[in-house]
Amino acid sequence: MRRCAGCGRRAPQRELIRFAARDGVLVAGRNEPGRGAYTCRNLACFERASVRGMFTRVLRQQVRVGPELHGLYTDVTHG
């Protein structure tokens, strides 16, 4: 079970999207090394986590959140 950084809902890992920091940039990926931050599979949770600085808090480092990550939430085949 993991907690969404946007809404706080607890869910199994497979239901969430995992993010990690790579060289100060937020990247998506289950196999990325290091601490992970999770969001539900909806854009509102991702945006809420980003605006509130939750990725920085959970990952314990400053991260840049790029606009390309929004595509993860519009791609219905992501999984």
PDB file of N, CA and C in Angstrom:
ATOM      1  N   MET A   1       0.842  -1.182   0.000  1.00  0.00           N
ATOM      2  CA  MET A   1       0.000   0.000   0.000  1.00  0.00           C
ATOM      3  C   MET A   1       0.890   1.250   0.000  1.00  0.00           C
ATOM      4  N   ARG A   2       0.494   2.200  -0.807  1.00  0.00           N
ATOM      5  CA  ARG A   2       1.197   3.476  -0.879  1.00  0.00           C
ATOM      6  C   ARG A   2       0.171   4.599  -0.790  1.00  0.00           C
ATOM      7  N   ARG A   3       0.652   5.805  -0.471  1.00  0.00           N
ATOM      8  CA  ARG A   3      -0.229   6.957  -0.315  1.00  0.00           C
ATOM      9  C   ARG A   3      -0.002   7.927  -1.465  1.00  0.00           C
ATOM     10  N   CYS A   4      -1.094   8.419  -2.035  1.00  0.00           N
ATOM     11  CA  CYS A   4      -1.026   9.410  -3.105  1.00  0.00           C
ATOM     12  C   CYS A   4      -0.515  10.735  -2.533  1.00  0.00           C
ATOM     13  N   ALA A   5       0.470  11.334  -3.198  1.00  0.00           N
ATOM     14  CA  ALA A   5       1.028  12.613  -2.752  1.00  0.00           C
ATOM     15  C   ALA A   5       0.059  13.767  -3.001  1.00  0.00           C
ATOM     16  N   GLY A   6      -0.965  13.543  -3.813  1.00  0.00           N
ATOM     17  CA  GLY A   6      -1.926  14.600  -4.113  1.00  0.00           C
ATOM     18  C   GLY A   6      -3.122  14.613  -3.179  1.00  0.00           C
ATOM     19  N   CYS A   7      -3.806  13.470  -3.071  1.00  0.00           N
ATOM     20  CA  CYS A   7      -5.045  13.425  -2.281  1.00  0.00           C
ATOM     21  C   CYS A   7      -4.898  12.684  -0.959  1.00  0.00           C
ATOM     22  N   GLY A   8      -3.830  11.920  -0.800  1.00  0.00           N
ATOM     23  CA  GLY A   8      -3.612  11.196   0.445  1.00  0.00           C
ATOM     24  C   GLY A   8      -4.272   9.829   0.511  1.00  0.00           C
ATOM     25  N   ARG A   9      -4.955   9.423  -0.542  1.00  0.00           N
ATOM     26  CA  ARG A   9      -5.630   8.118  -0.564  1.00  0.00           C
ATOM     27  C   ARG A   9      -4.600   7.003  -0.561  1.00  0.00           C
ATOM     28  N   ARG A  10      -4.867   5.958   0.205  1.00  0.00           N
ATOM     29  CA  ARG A  10      -4.010   4.772   0.213  1.00  0.00           C
ATOM     30  C   ARG A  10      -4.519   3.792  -0.824  1.00  0.00           C
ATOM     31  N   ALA A  11      -3.583   3.197  -1.589  1.00  0.00           N
ATOM     32  CA  ALA A  11      -3.952   2.252  -2.638  1.00  0.00           C
ATOM     33  C   ALA A  11      -2.774   1.316  -2.890  1.00  0.00           C
ATOM     34  N   PRO A  12      -3.036   0.156  -3.473  1.00  0.00           N
ATOM     35  CA  PRO A  12      -1.931  -0.740  -3.855  1.00  0.00           C
ATOM     36  C   PRO A  12      -1.034  -0.054  -4.884  1.00  0.00           C
ATOM     37  N   GLN A  13       0.250  -0.391  -4.865  1.00  0.00           N
ATOM     38  CA  GLN A  13       1.215   0.224  -5.772  1.00  0.00           C
ATOM     39  C   GLN A  13       0.780   0.166  -7.221  1.00  0.00           C
ATOM     40  N   ARG A  14       0.218  -0.934  -7.651  1.00  0.00           N
ATOM     41  CA  ARG A  14      -0.129  -1.108  -9.069  1.00  0.00           C
ATOM     42  C   ARG A  14      -1.214  -0.133  -9.532  1.00  0.00           C
ATOM     43  N   GLU A  15      -1.955   0.466  -8.602  1.00  0.00           N
ATOM     44  CA  GLU A  15      -3.002   1.420  -8.968  1.00  0.00           C
ATOM     45  C   GLU A  15      -2.480   2.854  -9.060  1.00  0.00           C
ATOM     46  N   LEU A  16      -1.233   3.077  -8.676  1.00  0.00           N
ATOM     47  CA  LEU A  16      -0.662   4.418  -8.627  1.00  0.00           C
ATOM     48  C   LEU A  16       0.487   4.550  -9.624  1.00  0.00           C
ATOM     49  N   ILE A  17       0.842   5.789  -9.939  1.00  0.00           N
ATOM     50  CA  ILE A  17       1.997   6.063 -10.789  1.00  0.00           C
ATOM     51  C   ILE A  17       3.140   6.490  -9.875  1.00  0.00           C
ATOM     52  N   ARG A  18       4.303   5.873 -10.069  1.00  0.00           N
ATOM     53  CA  ARG A  18       5.463   6.165  -9.216  1.00  0.00           C
ATOM     54  C   ARG A  18       6.375   7.185  -9.896  1.00  0.00           C
ATOM     55  N   PHE A  19       6.894   8.096  -9.080  1.00  0.00           N
ATOM     56  CA  PHE A  19       7.846   9.101  -9.538  1.00  0.00           C
ATOM     57  C   PHE A  19       9.086   9.038  -8.675  1.00  0.00           C
ATOM     58  N   ALA A  20      10.213   9.418  -9.237  1.00  0.00           N
ATOM     59  CA  ALA A  20      11.474   9.513  -8.515  1.00  0.00           C
ATOM     60  C   ALA A  20      12.226  10.728  -9.048  1.00  0.00           C
ATOM     61  N   ALA A  21      13.303  11.077  -8.375  1.00  0.00           N
ATOM     62  CA  ALA A  21      14.132  12.200  -8.816  1.00  0.00           C
ATOM     63  C   ALA A  21      15.379  11.665  -9.506  1.00  0.00           C
ATOM     64  N   ARG A  22      15.661  12.214 -10.672  1.00  0.00           N
ATOM     65  CA  ARG A  22      16.891  11.873 -11.391  1.00  0.00           C
ATOM     66  C   ARG A  22      17.579  13.187 -11.734  1.00  0.00           C
ATOM     67  N   ASP A  23      18.703  13.443 -11.100  1.00  0.00           N
ATOM     68  CA  ASP A  23      19.462  14.684 -11.321  1.00  0.00           C
ATOM     69  C   ASP A  23      18.607  15.929 -11.117  1.00  0.00           C
ATOM     70  N   GLY A  24      17.757  15.910 -10.086  1.00  0.00           N
ATOM     71  CA  GLY A  24      16.937  17.063  -9.754  1.00  0.00           C
ATOM     72  C   GLY A  24      15.691  17.246 -10.596  1.00  0.00           C
ATOM     73  N   VAL A  25      15.378  16.256 -11.423  1.00  0.00           N
ATOM     74  CA  VAL A  25      14.204  16.327 -12.290  1.00  0.00           C
ATOM     75  C   VAL A  25      13.279  15.170 -11.943  1.00  0.00           C
ATOM     76  N   LEU A  26      11.997  15.454 -11.840  1.00  0.00           N
ATOM     77  CA  LEU A  26      11.017  14.424 -11.544  1.00  0.00           C
ATOM     78  C   LEU A  26      10.807  13.549 -12.772  1.00  0.00           C
ATOM     79  N   VAL A  27      10.917  12.226 -12.589  1.00  0.00           N
ATOM     80  CA  VAL A  27      10.710  11.273 -13.672  1.00  0.00           C
ATOM     81  C   VAL A  27       9.758  10.180 -13.203  1.00  0.00           C
ATOM     82  N   ALA A  28       8.989   9.652 -14.132  1.00  0.00           N
ATOM     83  CA  ALA A  28       8.067   8.563 -13.817  1.00  0.00           C
ATOM     84  C   ALA A  28       8.754   7.243 -14.107  1.00  0.00           C
ATOM     85  N   GLY A  29       8.474   6.254 -13.283  1.00  0.00           N
ATOM     86  CA  GLY A  29       9.028   4.932 -13.542  1.00  0.00           C
ATOM     87  C   GLY A  29       9.075   4.057 -12.316  1.00  0.00           C
ATOM     88  N   ARG A  30       8.564   2.869 -12.455  1.00  0.00           N
ATOM     89  CA  ARG A  30       8.572   1.909 -11.354  1.00  0.00           C
ATOM     90  C   ARG A  30       9.975   1.451 -10.993  1.00  0.00           C
ATOM     91  N   ASN A  31      10.886   1.446 -11.948  1.00  0.00           N
ATOM     92  CA  ASN A  31      12.224   0.913 -11.713  1.00  0.00           C
ATOM     93  C   ASN A  31      13.287   1.972 -11.485  1.00  0.00           C
ATOM     94  N   GLU A  32      12.876   3.219 -11.331  1.00  0.00           N
ATOM     95  CA  GLU A  32      13.842   4.283 -11.047  1.00  0.00           C
ATOM     96  C   GLU A  32      14.386   4.082  -9.633  1.00  0.00           C
ATOM     97  N   PRO A  33      15.691   4.245  -9.444  1.00  0.00           N
ATOM     98  CA  PRO A  33      16.270   4.045  -8.109  1.00  0.00           C
ATOM     99  C   PRO A  33      15.925   5.184  -7.151  1.00  0.00           C
ATOM    100  N   GLY A  34      16.020   4.909  -5.877  1.00  0.00           N
ATOM    101  CA  GLY A  34      15.827   5.929  -4.851  1.00  0.00           C
ATOM    102  C   GLY A  34      14.415   5.985  -4.323  1.00  0.00           C
ATOM    103  N   ARG A  35      14.172   7.029  -3.531  1.00  0.00           N
ATOM    104  CA  ARG A  35      12.850   7.228  -2.938  1.00  0.00           C
ATOM    105  C   ARG A  35      11.815   7.433  -4.027  1.00  0.00           C
ATOM    106  N   GLY A  36      10.611   7.043  -3.748  1.00  0.00           N
ATOM    107  CA  GLY A  36       9.534   7.202  -4.713  1.00  0.00           C
ATOM    108  C   GLY A  36       8.379   7.992  -4.139  1.00  0.00           C
ATOM    109  N   ALA A  37       7.699   8.712  -4.995  1.00  0.00           N
ATOM    110  CA  ALA A  37       6.468   9.425  -4.657  1.00  0.00           C
ATOM    111  C   ALA A  37       5.400   8.900  -5.606  1.00  0.00           C
ATOM    112  N   TYR A  38       4.188   8.756  -5.125  1.00  0.00           N
ATOM    113  CA  TYR A  38       3.109   8.162  -5.903  1.00  0.00           C
ATOM    114  C   TYR A  38       1.938   9.120  -6.016  1.00  0.00           C
ATOM    115  N   THR A  39       1.225   9.027  -7.149  1.00  0.00           N
ATOM    116  CA  THR A  39      -0.039   9.743  -7.294  1.00  0.00           C
ATOM    117  C   THR A  39      -1.062   8.791  -7.896  1.00  0.00           C
ATOM    118  N   CYS A  40      -2.327   9.113  -7.653  1.00  0.00           N
ATOM    119  CA  CYS A  40      -3.413   8.386  -8.303  1.00  0.00           C
ATOM    120  C   CYS A  40      -3.275   8.607  -9.805  1.00  0.00           C
ATOM    121  N   ARG A  41      -4.004   7.862 -10.571  1.00  0.00           N
ATOM    122  CA  ARG A  41      -3.916   7.978 -12.031  1.00  0.00           C
ATOM    123  C   ARG A  41      -4.832   9.064 -12.585  1.00  0.00           C
ATOM    124  N   ASN A  42      -4.937  10.191 -11.879  1.00  0.00           N
ATOM    125  CA  ASN A  42      -5.707  11.302 -12.441  1.00  0.00           C
ATOM    126  C   ASN A  42      -4.895  12.589 -12.322  1.00  0.00           C
ATOM    127  N   LEU A  43      -5.085  13.454 -13.277  1.00  0.00           N
ATOM    128  CA  LEU A  43      -4.303  14.678 -13.390  1.00  0.00           C
ATOM    129  C   LEU A  43      -4.471  15.601 -12.191  1.00  0.00           C
ATOM    130  N   ALA A  44      -5.656  15.626 -11.595  1.00  0.00           N
ATOM    131  CA  ALA A  44      -5.903  16.515 -10.448  1.00  0.00           C
ATOM    132  C   ALA A  44      -4.961  16.183  -9.289  1.00  0.00           C
ATOM    133  N   CYS A  45      -4.735  14.914  -9.029  1.00  0.00           N
ATOM    134  CA  CYS A  45      -3.828  14.525  -7.942  1.00  0.00           C
ATOM    135  C   CYS A  45      -2.394  14.930  -8.258  1.00  0.00           C
ATOM    136  N   PHE A  46      -1.966  14.727  -9.501  1.00  0.00           N
ATOM    137  CA  PHE A  46      -0.624  15.117  -9.905  1.00  0.00           C
ATOM    138  C   PHE A  46      -0.432  16.623  -9.744  1.00  0.00           C
ATOM    139  N   GLU A  47      -1.382  17.409 -10.222  1.00  0.00           N
ATOM    140  CA  GLU A  47      -1.274  18.867 -10.136  1.00  0.00           C
ATOM    141  C   GLU A  47      -1.291  19.343  -8.692  1.00  0.00           C
ATOM    142  N   ARG A  48      -2.130  18.753  -7.861  1.00  0.00           N
ATOM    143  CA  ARG A  48      -2.201  19.118  -6.445  1.00  0.00           C
ATOM    144  C   ARG A  48      -0.859  18.832  -5.760  1.00  0.00           C
ATOM    145  N   ALA A  49      -0.276  17.666  -6.031  1.00  0.00           N
ATOM    146  CA  ALA A  49       1.018  17.325  -5.439  1.00  0.00           C
ATOM    147  C   ALA A  49       2.106  18.287  -5.906  1.00  0.00           C
ATOM    148  N   SER A  50       2.054  18.661  -7.170  1.00  0.00           N
ATOM    149  CA  SER A  50       3.048  19.567  -7.723  1.00  0.00           C
ATOM    150  C   SER A  50       2.938  20.969  -7.116  1.00  0.00           C
ATOM    151  N   VAL A  51       1.723  21.506  -7.080  1.00  0.00           N
ATOM    152  CA  VAL A  51       1.497  22.865  -6.565  1.00  0.00           C
ATOM    153  C   VAL A  51       1.834  22.963  -5.075  1.00  0.00           C
ATOM    154  N   ARG A  52       1.507  21.951  -4.328  1.00  0.00           N
ATOM    155  CA  ARG A  52       1.746  21.962  -2.881  1.00  0.00           C
ATOM    156  C   ARG A  52       3.176  21.575  -2.490  1.00  0.00           C
ATOM    157  N   GLY A  53       4.010  21.257  -3.461  1.00  0.00           N
ATOM    158  CA  GLY A  53       5.395  20.897  -3.177  1.00  0.00           C
ATOM    159  C   GLY A  53       5.559  19.521  -2.546  1.00  0.00           C
ATOM    160  N   MET A  54       4.610  18.662  -2.774  1.00  0.00           N
ATOM    161  CA  MET A  54       4.650  17.344  -2.151  1.00  0.00           C
ATOM    162  C   MET A  54       5.740  16.443  -2.741  1.00  0.00           C
ATOM    163  N   PHE A  55       6.071  16.616  -4.016  1.00  0.00           N
ATOM    164  CA  PHE A  55       7.142  15.800  -4.588  1.00  0.00           C
ATOM    165  C   PHE A  55       8.465  16.121  -3.899  1.00  0.00           C
ATOM    166  N   THR A  56       8.725  17.393  -3.660  1.00  0.00           N
ATOM    167  CA  THR A  56       9.934  17.809  -2.963  1.00  0.00           C
ATOM    168  C   THR A  56       9.948  17.250  -1.544  1.00  0.00           C
ATOM    169  N   ARG A  57       8.827  17.308  -0.879  1.00  0.00           N
ATOM    170  CA  ARG A  57       8.734  16.824   0.500  1.00  0.00           C
ATOM    171  C   ARG A  57       8.939  15.307   0.573  1.00  0.00           C
ATOM    172  N   VAL A  58       8.218  14.559  -0.247  1.00  0.00           N
ATOM    173  CA  VAL A  58       8.286  13.101  -0.200  1.00  0.00           C
ATOM    174  C   VAL A  58       9.653  12.591  -0.647  1.00  0.00           C
ATOM    175  N   LEU A  59      10.209  13.191  -1.683  1.00  0.00           N
ATOM    176  CA  LEU A  59      11.501  12.737  -2.209  1.00  0.00           C
ATOM    177  C   LEU A  59      12.685  13.300  -1.434  1.00  0.00           C
ATOM    178  N   ARG A  60      12.414  14.248  -0.546  1.00  0.00           N
ATOM    179  CA  ARG A  60      13.432  14.854   0.317  1.00  0.00           C
ATOM    180  C   ARG A  60      14.546  15.541  -0.457  1.00  0.00           C
ATOM    181  N   GLN A  61      14.156  16.162  -1.574  1.00  0.00           N
ATOM    182  CA  GLN A  61      15.085  16.968  -2.370  1.00  0.00           C
ATOM    183  C   GLN A  61      14.288  17.833  -3.335  1.00  0.00           C
ATOM    184  N   GLN A  62      14.896  18.945  -3.748  1.00  0.00           N
ATOM    185  CA  GLN A  62      14.249  19.814  -4.714  1.00  0.00           C
ATOM    186  C   GLN A  62      14.186  19.103  -6.059  1.00  0.00           C
ATOM    187  N   VAL A  63      13.024  19.138  -6.683  1.00  0.00           N
ATOM    188  CA  VAL A  63      12.868  18.535  -8.004  1.00  0.00           C
ATOM    189  C   VAL A  63      12.129  19.501  -8.919  1.00  0.00           C
ATOM    190  N   ARG A  64      12.501  19.463 -10.196  1.00  0.00           N
ATOM    191  CA  ARG A  64      11.802  20.252 -11.201  1.00  0.00           C
ATOM    192  C   ARG A  64      10.751  19.339 -11.821  1.00  0.00           C
ATOM    193  N   VAL A  65       9.527  19.826 -11.871  1.00  0.00           N
ATOM    194  CA  VAL A  65       8.420  19.061 -12.437  1.00  0.00           C
ATOM    195  C   VAL A  65       8.168  19.580 -13.846  1.00  0.00           C
ATOM    196  N   GLY A  66       8.502  18.776 -14.836  1.00  0.00           N
ATOM    197  CA  GLY A  66       8.361  19.182 -16.229  1.00  0.00           C
ATOM    198  C   GLY A  66       6.946  18.985 -16.753  1.00  0.00           C
ATOM    199  N   PRO A  67       6.533  19.803 -17.711  1.00  0.00           N
ATOM    200  CA  PRO A  67       5.185  19.705 -18.270  1.00  0.00           C
ATOM    201  C   PRO A  67       4.932  18.414 -19.044  1.00  0.00           C
ATOM    202  N   GLU A  68       5.995  17.728 -19.470  1.00  0.00           N
ATOM    203  CA  GLU A  68       5.820  16.488 -20.226  1.00  0.00           C
ATOM    204  C   GLU A  68       5.174  15.382 -19.389  1.00  0.00           C
ATOM    205  N   LEU A  69       5.241  15.496 -18.074  1.00  0.00           N
ATOM    206  CA  LEU A  69       4.646  14.474 -17.205  1.00  0.00           C
ATOM    207  C   LEU A  69       3.118  14.495 -17.252  1.00  0.00           C
ATOM    208  N   HIS A  70       2.529  15.591 -17.671  1.00  0.00           N
ATOM    209  CA  HIS A  70       1.067  15.659 -17.798  1.00  0.00           C
ATOM    210  C   HIS A  70       0.557  14.627 -18.793  1.00  0.00           C
ATOM    211  N   GLY A  71       1.381  14.261 -19.764  1.00  0.00           N
ATOM    212  CA  GLY A  71       1.000  13.277 -20.761  1.00  0.00           C
ATOM    213  C   GLY A  71       0.712  11.909 -20.185  1.00  0.00           C
ATOM    214  N   LEU A  72       1.269  11.608 -19.043  1.00  0.00           N
ATOM    215  CA  LEU A  72       1.009  10.324 -18.388  1.00  0.00           C
ATOM    216  C   LEU A  72      -0.468  10.158 -18.033  1.00  0.00           C
ATOM    217  N   TYR A  73      -1.125  11.259 -17.789  1.00  0.00           N
ATOM    218  CA  TYR A  73      -2.516  11.221 -17.335  1.00  0.00           C
ATOM    219  C   TYR A  73      -3.511  11.322 -18.456  1.00  0.00           C
ATOM    220  N   THR A  74      -3.051  11.622 -19.658  1.00  0.00           N
ATOM    221  CA  THR A  74      -3.957  11.669 -20.794  1.00  0.00           C
ATOM    222  C   THR A  74      -3.818  10.429 -21.661  1.00  0.00           C
ATOM    223  N   ASP A  75      -2.777   9.639 -21.386  1.00  0.00           N
ATOM    224  CA  ASP A  75      -2.535   8.404 -22.134  1.00  0.00           C
ATOM    225  C   ASP A  75      -3.286   7.265 -21.448  1.00  0.00           C
ATOM    226  N   VAL A  76      -4.399   6.837 -22.027  1.00  0.00           N
ATOM    227  CA  VAL A  76      -5.234   5.825 -21.388  1.00  0.00           C
ATOM    228  C   VAL A  76      -4.611   4.434 -21.419  1.00  0.00           C
ATOM    229  N   THR A  77      -3.555   4.238 -22.223  1.00  0.00           N
ATOM    230  CA  THR A  77      -2.927   2.924 -22.288  1.00  0.00           C
ATOM    231  C   THR A  77      -1.780   2.795 -21.307  1.00  0.00           C
ATOM    232  N   HIS A  78      -1.467   3.851 -20.552  1.00  0.00           N
ATOM    233  CA  HIS A  78      -0.374   3.795 -19.588  1.00  0.00           C
ATOM    234  C   HIS A  78      -0.685   2.758 -18.534  1.00  0.00           C
ATOM    235  N   GLY A  79       0.315   1.996 -18.147  1.00  0.00           N
ATOM    236  CA  GLY A  79       0.026   1.046 -17.114  1.00  0.00           C
ATOM    237  C   GLY A  79       1.197   0.290 -16.714  1.00  0.00           C
TER     238      GLY A  79
END
